Amino acid sequence: MMTPQQEAIAFRIWAHCEPLGWDVTIPDIAEALSLTPQRVIGICGSKGWKSRLRKAPHDRYILAGLGGDYGLCSIDRLDDHIK
């Protein structure tokens, strides 16, 4: 169950993404709404929205937060995947 504050943030994310057809990345949302990428990941995960978003595979801090989605075990291995 999400708190009222989390629901309010979720609404802000939805209101930002819906007019754009969800063609945005986590860093796009975080920057537009002055949130941390981790907060966006958590809210989108709770709402089941992560699959709607465009992935940004070259963003180091996002990959660290979504390691499982990209098959990475840690940020240390990231440099092996980005050339």
PDB file of N, CA and C in Angstrom:
ATOM      1  N   MET A   1       0.831  -1.170   0.000  1.00  0.00           N
ATOM      2  CA  MET A   1       0.000   0.000   0.000  1.00  0.00           C
ATOM      3  C   MET A   1       0.886   1.247   0.000  1.00  0.00           C
ATOM      4  N   MET A   2       0.530   2.188  -0.826  1.00  0.00           N
ATOM      5  CA  MET A   2       1.301   3.420  -0.935  1.00  0.00           C
ATOM      6  C   MET A   2       0.755   4.484   0.017  1.00  0.00           C
ATOM      7  N   THR A   3       1.667   5.321   0.494  1.00  0.00           N
ATOM      8  CA  THR A   3       1.267   6.420   1.366  1.00  0.00           C
ATOM      9  C   THR A   3       0.607   7.519   0.521  1.00  0.00           C
ATOM     10  N   PRO A   4      -0.110   8.440   1.163  1.00  0.00           N
ATOM     11  CA  PRO A   4      -0.676   9.561   0.405  1.00  0.00           C
ATOM     12  C   PRO A   4       0.391  10.366  -0.343  1.00  0.00           C
ATOM     13  N   GLN A   5       1.562  10.536   0.257  1.00  0.00           N
ATOM     14  CA  GLN A   5       2.651  11.257  -0.418  1.00  0.00           C
ATOM     15  C   GLN A   5       3.100  10.502  -1.674  1.00  0.00           C
ATOM     16  N   GLN A   6       3.235   9.192  -1.571  1.00  0.00           N
ATOM     17  CA  GLN A   6       3.623   8.387  -2.736  1.00  0.00           C
ATOM     18  C   GLN A   6       2.551   8.440  -3.819  1.00  0.00           C
ATOM     19  N   GLU A   7       1.298   8.409  -3.411  1.00  0.00           N
ATOM     20  CA  GLU A   7       0.202   8.516  -4.389  1.00  0.00           C
ATOM     21  C   GLU A   7       0.235   9.867  -5.103  1.00  0.00           C
ATOM     22  N   ALA A   8       0.557  10.913  -4.367  1.00  0.00           N
ATOM     23  CA  ALA A   8       0.652  12.247  -4.979  1.00  0.00           C
ATOM     24  C   ALA A   8       1.788  12.289  -5.995  1.00  0.00           C
ATOM     25  N   ILE A   9       2.914  11.685  -5.662  1.00  0.00           N
ATOM     26  CA  ILE A   9       4.037  11.624  -6.600  1.00  0.00           C
ATOM     27  C   ILE A   9       3.658  10.777  -7.802  1.00  0.00           C
ATOM     28  N   ALA A  10       2.962   9.675  -7.556  1.00  0.00           N
ATOM     29  CA  ALA A  10       2.516   8.819  -8.660  1.00  0.00           C
ATOM     30  C   ALA A  10       1.622   9.601  -9.618  1.00  0.00           C
ATOM     31  N   PHE A  11       0.747  10.429  -9.073  1.00  0.00           N
ATOM     32  CA  PHE A  11      -0.115  11.241  -9.928  1.00  0.00           C
ATOM     33  C   PHE A  11       0.710  12.213 -10.759  1.00  0.00           C
ATOM     34  N   ARG A  12       1.703  12.833 -10.148  1.00  0.00           N
ATOM     35  CA  ARG A  12       2.570  13.750 -10.892  1.00  0.00           C
ATOM     36  C   ARG A  12       3.294  13.020 -12.018  1.00  0.00           C
ATOM     37  N   ILE A  13       3.782  11.802 -11.738  1.00  0.00           N
ATOM     38  CA  ILE A  13       4.454  11.009 -12.773  1.00  0.00           C
ATOM     39  C   ILE A  13       3.470  10.689 -13.883  1.00  0.00           C
ATOM     40  N   TRP A  14       2.296  10.213 -13.524  1.00  0.00           N
ATOM     41  CA  TRP A  14       1.270   9.877 -14.524  1.00  0.00           C
ATOM     42  C   TRP A  14       0.923  11.107 -15.365  1.00  0.00           C
ATOM     43  N   ALA A  15       0.721  12.252 -14.699  1.00  0.00           N
ATOM     44  CA  ALA A  15       0.339  13.477 -15.410  1.00  0.00           C
ATOM     45  C   ALA A  15       1.443  13.950 -16.361  1.00  0.00           C
ATOM     46  N   HIS A  16       2.680  13.656 -16.036  1.00  0.00           N
ATOM     47  CA  HIS A  16       3.793  14.012 -16.918  1.00  0.00           C
ATOM     48  C   HIS A  16       3.891  13.042 -18.099  1.00  0.00           C
ATOM     49  N   CYS A  17       3.732  11.765 -17.819  1.00  0.00           N
ATOM     50  CA  CYS A  17       3.970  10.727 -18.831  1.00  0.00           C
ATOM     51  C   CYS A  17       2.796  10.491 -19.777  1.00  0.00           C
ATOM     52  N   GLU A  18       1.598  10.583 -19.295  1.00  0.00           N
ATOM     53  CA  GLU A  18       0.414  10.252 -20.101  1.00  0.00           C
ATOM     54  C   GLU A  18       0.338  11.084 -21.387  1.00  0.00           C
ATOM     55  N   PRO A  19       0.493  12.414 -21.342  1.00  0.00           N
ATOM     56  CA  PRO A  19       0.417  13.192 -22.581  1.00  0.00           C
ATOM     57  C   PRO A  19       1.550  12.878 -23.563  1.00  0.00           C
ATOM     58  N   LEU A  20       2.635  12.315 -23.045  1.00  0.00           N
ATOM     59  CA  LEU A  20       3.784  11.971 -23.880  1.00  0.00           C
ATOM     60  C   LEU A  20       3.715  10.530 -24.377  1.00  0.00           C
ATOM     61  N   GLY A  21       2.618   9.866 -24.108  1.00  0.00           N
ATOM     62  CA  GLY A  21       2.468   8.471 -24.520  1.00  0.00           C
ATOM     63  C   GLY A  21       3.451   7.544 -23.833  1.00  0.00           C
ATOM     64  N   TRP A  22       3.924   7.938 -22.657  1.00  0.00           N
ATOM     65  CA  TRP A  22       4.874   7.159 -21.865  1.00  0.00           C
ATOM     66  C   TRP A  22       6.194   6.943 -22.599  1.00  0.00           C
ATOM     67  N   ASP A  23       6.475   7.778 -23.604  1.00  0.00           N
ATOM     68  CA  ASP A  23       7.732   7.695 -24.344  1.00  0.00           C
ATOM     69  C   ASP A  23       8.786   8.546 -23.645  1.00  0.00           C
ATOM     70  N   VAL A  24       9.056   8.203 -22.408  1.00  0.00           N
ATOM     71  CA  VAL A  24      10.016   8.910 -21.573  1.00  0.00           C
ATOM     72  C   VAL A  24      10.854   7.898 -20.805  1.00  0.00           C
ATOM     73  N   THR A  25      12.000   8.328 -20.357  1.00  0.00           N
ATOM     74  CA  THR A  25      12.866   7.463 -19.554  1.00  0.00           C
ATOM     75  C   THR A  25      12.774   7.886 -18.092  1.00  0.00           C
ATOM     76  N   ILE A  26      13.292   7.064 -17.231  1.00  0.00           N
ATOM     77  CA  ILE A  26      13.325   7.394 -15.815  1.00  0.00           C
ATOM     78  C   ILE A  26      14.103   8.687 -15.571  1.00  0.00           C
ATOM     79  N   PRO A  27      15.265   8.886 -16.217  1.00  0.00           N
ATOM     80  CA  PRO A  27      15.954  10.167 -16.008  1.00  0.00           C
ATOM     81  C   PRO A  27      15.135  11.364 -16.500  1.00  0.00           C
ATOM     82  N   ASP A  28      14.383  11.189 -17.601  1.00  0.00           N
ATOM     83  CA  ASP A  28      13.515  12.270 -18.090  1.00  0.00           C
ATOM     84  C   ASP A  28      12.510  12.682 -17.018  1.00  0.00           C
ATOM     85  N   ILE A  29      11.869  11.698 -16.431  1.00  0.00           N
ATOM     86  CA  ILE A  29      10.852  11.955 -15.407  1.00  0.00           C
ATOM     87  C   ILE A  29      11.483  12.590 -14.176  1.00  0.00           C
ATOM     88  N   ALA A  30      12.596  12.007 -13.731  1.00  0.00           N
ATOM     89  CA  ALA A  30      13.265  12.515 -12.536  1.00  0.00           C
ATOM     90  C   ALA A  30      13.648  13.981 -12.711  1.00  0.00           C
ATOM     91  N   GLU A  31      14.200  14.310 -13.861  1.00  0.00           N
ATOM     92  CA  GLU A  31      14.608  15.689 -14.108  1.00  0.00           C
ATOM     93  C   GLU A  31      13.400  16.618 -14.199  1.00  0.00           C
ATOM     94  N   ALA A  32      12.383  16.217 -14.926  1.00  0.00           N
ATOM     95  CA  ALA A  32      11.204  17.065 -15.120  1.00  0.00           C
ATOM     96  C   ALA A  32      10.469  17.342 -13.815  1.00  0.00           C
ATOM     97  N   LEU A  33      10.467  16.376 -12.911  1.00  0.00           N
ATOM     98  CA  LEU A  33       9.694  16.512 -11.675  1.00  0.00           C
ATOM     99  C   LEU A  33      10.554  16.771 -10.444  1.00  0.00           C
ATOM    100  N   SER A  34      11.855  16.975 -10.662  1.00  0.00           N
ATOM    101  CA  SER A  34      12.792  17.215  -9.546  1.00  0.00           C
ATOM    102  C   SER A  34      12.722  16.107  -8.501  1.00  0.00           C
ATOM    103  N   LEU A  35      12.773  14.878  -8.993  1.00  0.00           N
ATOM    104  CA  LEU A  35      12.783  13.697  -8.135  1.00  0.00           C
ATOM    105  C   LEU A  35      14.079  12.940  -8.358  1.00  0.00           C
ATOM    106  N   THR A  36      14.408  12.048  -7.446  1.00  0.00           N
ATOM    107  CA  THR A  36      15.558  11.181  -7.687  1.00  0.00           C
ATOM    108  C   THR A  36      15.125  10.033  -8.597  1.00  0.00           C
ATOM    109  N   PRO A  37      16.049   9.517  -9.394  1.00  0.00           N
ATOM    110  CA  PRO A  37      15.699   8.354 -10.217  1.00  0.00           C
ATOM    111  C   PRO A  37      15.202   7.179  -9.378  1.00  0.00           C
ATOM    112  N   GLN A  38      15.780   7.013  -8.193  1.00  0.00           N
ATOM    113  CA  GLN A  38      15.364   5.912  -7.326  1.00  0.00           C
ATOM    114  C   GLN A  38      13.906   6.072  -6.900  1.00  0.00           C
ATOM    115  N   ARG A  39      13.480   7.308  -6.627  1.00  0.00           N
ATOM    116  CA  ARG A  39      12.092   7.563  -6.249  1.00  0.00           C
ATOM    117  C   ARG A  39      11.172   7.219  -7.416  1.00  0.00           C
ATOM    118  N   VAL A  40      11.562   7.632  -8.630  1.00  0.00           N
ATOM    119  CA  VAL A  40      10.753   7.342  -9.820  1.00  0.00           C
ATOM    120  C   VAL A  40      10.662   5.838 -10.038  1.00  0.00           C
ATOM    121  N   ILE A  41      11.782   5.138  -9.905  1.00  0.00           N
ATOM    122  CA  ILE A  41      11.792   3.680 -10.069  1.00  0.00           C
ATOM    123  C   ILE A  41      10.848   3.034  -9.063  1.00  0.00           C
ATOM    124  N   GLY A  42      10.925   3.459  -7.809  1.00  0.00           N
ATOM    125  CA  GLY A  42      10.082   2.874  -6.766  1.00  0.00           C
ATOM    126  C   GLY A  42       8.599   3.083  -7.019  1.00  0.00           C
ATOM    127  N   ILE A  43       8.234   4.299  -7.377  1.00  0.00           N
ATOM    128  CA  ILE A  43       6.818   4.599  -7.623  1.00  0.00           C
ATOM    129  C   ILE A  43       6.330   3.855  -8.860  1.00  0.00           C
ATOM    130  N   CYS A  44       7.104   3.921  -9.942  1.00  0.00           N
ATOM    131  CA  CYS A  44       6.685   3.233 -11.171  1.00  0.00           C
ATOM    132  C   CYS A  44       6.604   1.724 -10.961  1.00  0.00           C
ATOM    133  N   GLY A  45       7.519   1.193 -10.148  1.00  0.00           N
ATOM    134  CA  GLY A  45       7.459  -0.231  -9.834  1.00  0.00           C
ATOM    135  C   GLY A  45       6.214  -0.585  -9.043  1.00  0.00           C
ATOM    136  N   SER A  46       5.883   0.246  -8.065  1.00  0.00           N
ATOM    137  CA  SER A  46       4.689   0.001  -7.249  1.00  0.00           C
ATOM    138  C   SER A  46       3.408   0.062  -8.066  1.00  0.00           C
ATOM    139  N   LYS A  47       3.390   0.940  -9.048  1.00  0.00           N
ATOM    140  CA  LYS A  47       2.207   1.108  -9.898  1.00  0.00           C
ATOM    141  C   LYS A  47       2.193   0.169 -11.098  1.00  0.00           C
ATOM    142  N   GLY A  48       3.282  -0.556 -11.320  1.00  0.00           N
ATOM    143  CA  GLY A  48       3.353  -1.452 -12.475  1.00  0.00           C
ATOM    144  C   GLY A  48       3.585  -0.712 -13.789  1.00  0.00           C
ATOM    145  N   TRP A  49       4.229   0.447 -13.712  1.00  0.00           N
ATOM    146  CA  TRP A  49       4.425   1.283 -14.891  1.00  0.00           C
ATOM    147  C   TRP A  49       5.790   1.135 -15.541  1.00  0.00           C
ATOM    148  N   LYS A  50       6.724   0.421 -14.928  1.00  0.00           N
ATOM    149  CA  LYS A  50       8.083   0.359 -15.484  1.00  0.00           C
ATOM    150  C   LYS A  50       8.103  -0.161 -16.913  1.00  0.00           C
ATOM    151  N   SER A  51       7.227  -1.081 -17.244  1.00  0.00           N
ATOM    152  CA  SER A  51       7.227  -1.641 -18.601  1.00  0.00           C
ATOM    153  C   SER A  51       6.717  -0.642 -19.634  1.00  0.00           C
ATOM    154  N   ARG A  52       6.021   0.390 -19.207  1.00  0.00           N
ATOM    155  CA  ARG A  52       5.526   1.420 -20.131  1.00  0.00           C
ATOM    156  C   ARG A  52       6.627   2.372 -20.580  1.00  0.00           C
ATOM    157  N   LEU A  53       7.654   2.516 -19.756  1.00  0.00           N
ATOM    158  CA  LEU A  53       8.677   3.529 -19.976  1.00  0.00           C
ATOM    159  C   LEU A  53       9.716   3.080 -20.997  1.00  0.00           C
ATOM    160  N   ARG A  54      10.288   4.069 -21.676  1.00  0.00           N
ATOM    161  CA  ARG A  54      11.390   3.798 -22.599  1.00  0.00           C
ATOM    162  C   ARG A  54      12.641   3.584 -21.760  1.00  0.00           C
ATOM    163  N   LYS A  55      13.399   2.565 -22.068  1.00  0.00           N
ATOM    164  CA  LYS A  55      14.623   2.277 -21.325  1.00  0.00           C
ATOM    165  C   LYS A  55      15.739   3.202 -21.793  1.00  0.00           C
ATOM    166  N   ALA A  56      16.630   3.537 -20.869  1.00  0.00           N
ATOM    167  CA  ALA A  56      17.785   4.379 -21.160  1.00  0.00           C
ATOM    168  C   ALA A  56      19.038   3.593 -20.787  1.00  0.00           C
ATOM    169  N   PRO A  57      19.473   2.652 -21.637  1.00  0.00           N
ATOM    170  CA  PRO A  57      20.544   1.724 -21.256  1.00  0.00           C
ATOM    171  C   PRO A  57      21.909   2.353 -21.035  1.00  0.00           C
ATOM    172  N   HIS A  58      22.119   3.587 -21.421  1.00  0.00           N
ATOM    173  CA  HIS A  58      23.447   4.175 -21.245  1.00  0.00           C
ATOM    174  C   HIS A  58      23.540   5.112 -20.052  1.00  0.00           C
ATOM    175  N   ASP A  59      22.511   5.168 -19.241  1.00  0.00           N
ATOM    176  CA  ASP A  59      22.545   5.997 -18.041  1.00  0.00           C
ATOM    177  C   ASP A  59      23.059   5.171 -16.872  1.00  0.00           C
ATOM    178  N   ARG A  60      24.268   5.476 -16.420  1.00  0.00           N
ATOM    179  CA  ARG A  60      24.943   4.671 -15.399  1.00  0.00           C
ATOM    180  C   ARG A  60      24.115   4.546 -14.125  1.00  0.00           C
ATOM    181  N   TYR A  61      23.591   5.650 -13.605  1.00  0.00           N
ATOM    182  CA  TYR A  61      22.896   5.572 -12.324  1.00  0.00           C
ATOM    183  C   TYR A  61      21.557   4.878 -12.448  1.00  0.00           C
ATOM    184  N   ILE A  62      20.954   4.919 -13.615  1.00  0.00           N
ATOM    185  CA  ILE A  62      19.700   4.206 -13.806  1.00  0.00           C
ATOM    186  C   ILE A  62      19.972   2.714 -13.898  1.00  0.00           C
ATOM    187  N   LEU A  63      21.009   2.334 -14.621  1.00  0.00           N
ATOM    188  CA  LEU A  63      21.343   0.914 -14.708  1.00  0.00           C
ATOM    189  C   LEU A  63      21.645   0.335 -13.338  1.00  0.00           C
ATOM    190  N   ALA A  64      22.285   1.122 -12.500  1.00  0.00           N
ATOM    191  CA  ALA A  64      22.593   0.635 -11.157  1.00  0.00           C
ATOM    192  C   ALA A  64      21.309   0.345 -10.395  1.00  0.00           C
ATOM    193  N   GLY A  65      20.280   1.169 -10.588  1.00  0.00           N
ATOM    194  CA  GLY A  65      19.020   0.978  -9.886  1.00  0.00           C
ATOM    195  C   GLY A  65      18.158  -0.108 -10.479  1.00  0.00           C
ATOM    196  N   LEU A  66      18.334  -0.399 -11.760  1.00  0.00           N
ATOM    197  CA  LEU A  66      17.509  -1.397 -12.440  1.00  0.00           C
ATOM    198  C   LEU A  66      18.332  -2.587 -12.903  1.00  0.00           C
ATOM    199  N   GLY A  67      19.412  -2.886 -12.192  1.00  0.00           N
ATOM    200  CA  GLY A  67      20.344  -3.922 -12.629  1.00  0.00           C
ATOM    201  C   GLY A  67      19.690  -5.187 -13.136  1.00  0.00           C
ATOM    202  N   GLY A  68      18.648  -5.652 -12.459  1.00  0.00           N
ATOM    203  CA  GLY A  68      18.000  -6.893 -12.873  1.00  0.00           C
ATOM    204  C   GLY A  68      17.372  -6.798 -14.244  1.00  0.00           C
ATOM    205  N   ASP A  69      16.839  -5.626 -14.596  1.00  0.00           N
ATOM    206  CA  ASP A  69      16.209  -5.448 -15.900  1.00  0.00           C
ATOM    207  C   ASP A  69      17.209  -5.491 -17.038  1.00  0.00           C
ATOM    208  N   TYR A  70      18.473  -5.241 -16.749  1.00  0.00           N
ATOM    209  CA  TYR A  70      19.485  -5.207 -17.784  1.00  0.00           C
ATOM    210  C   TYR A  70      20.487  -6.352 -17.646  1.00  0.00           C
ATOM    211  N   GLY A  71      20.266  -7.239 -16.709  1.00  0.00           N
ATOM    212  CA  GLY A  71      21.145  -8.382 -16.547  1.00  0.00           C
ATOM    213  C   GLY A  71      22.497  -8.031 -15.955  1.00  0.00           C
ATOM    214  N   LEU A  72      22.599  -6.921 -15.253  1.00  0.00           N
ATOM    215  CA  LEU A  72      23.861  -6.527 -14.641  1.00  0.00           C
ATOM    216  C   LEU A  72      23.815  -6.835 -13.155  1.00  0.00           C
ATOM    217  N   CYS A  73      24.934  -7.286 -12.633  1.00  0.00           N
ATOM    218  CA  CYS A  73      24.987  -7.608 -11.216  1.00  0.00           C
ATOM    219  C   CYS A  73      25.372  -6.401 -10.371  1.00  0.00           C
ATOM    220  N   SER A  74      26.175  -5.515 -10.920  1.00  0.00           N
ATOM    221  CA  SER A  74      26.598  -4.355 -10.144  1.00  0.00           C
ATOM    222  C   SER A  74      27.087  -3.268 -11.075  1.00  0.00           C
ATOM    223  N   ILE A  75      27.239  -2.088 -10.536  1.00  0.00           N
ATOM    224  CA  ILE A  75      27.749  -0.958 -11.301  1.00  0.00           C
ATOM    225  C   ILE A  75      29.186  -1.220 -11.743  1.00  0.00           C
ATOM    226  N   ASP A  76      29.923  -2.039 -10.992  1.00  0.00           N
ATOM    227  CA  ASP A  76      31.313  -2.340 -11.344  1.00  0.00           C
ATOM    228  C   ASP A  76      31.423  -3.008 -12.718  1.00  0.00           C
ATOM    229  N   ARG A  77      30.414  -3.778 -13.081  1.00  0.00           N
ATOM    230  CA  ARG A  77      30.436  -4.487 -14.361  1.00  0.00           C
ATOM    231  C   ARG A  77      29.892  -3.655 -15.494  1.00  0.00           C
ATOM    232  N   LEU A  78      29.347  -2.490 -15.200  1.00  0.00           N
ATOM    233  CA  LEU A  78      28.707  -1.663 -16.210  1.00  0.00           C
ATOM    234  C   LEU A  78      29.688  -1.255 -17.308  1.00  0.00           C
ATOM    235  N   ASP A  79      30.901  -0.881 -16.943  1.00  0.00           N
ATOM    236  CA  ASP A  79      31.864  -0.434 -17.945  1.00  0.00           C
ATOM    237  C   ASP A  79      32.171  -1.520 -18.965  1.00  0.00           C
ATOM    238  N   ASP A  80      31.995  -2.777 -18.620  1.00  0.00           N
ATOM    239  CA  ASP A  80      32.203  -3.876 -19.572  1.00  0.00           C
ATOM    240  C   ASP A  80      31.138  -3.855 -20.660  1.00  0.00           C
ATOM    241  N   HIS A  81      29.987  -3.257 -20.374  1.00  0.00           N
ATOM    242  CA  HIS A  81      28.863  -3.281 -21.297  1.00  0.00           C
ATOM    243  C   HIS A  81      28.711  -2.014 -22.117  1.00  0.00           C
ATOM    244  N   ILE A  82      29.372  -0.945 -21.689  1.00  0.00           N
ATOM    245  CA  ILE A  82      29.265   0.321 -22.413  1.00  0.00           C
ATOM    246  C   ILE A  82      30.632   0.650 -22.998  1.00  0.00           C
ATOM    247  N   LYS A  83      30.705   0.706 -24.266  1.00  0.00           N
ATOM    248  CA  LYS A  83      31.957   1.025 -24.969  1.00  0.00           C
ATOM    249  C   LYS A  83      31.775   2.258 -25.795  1.00  0.00           C
TER     250      LYS A  83
END
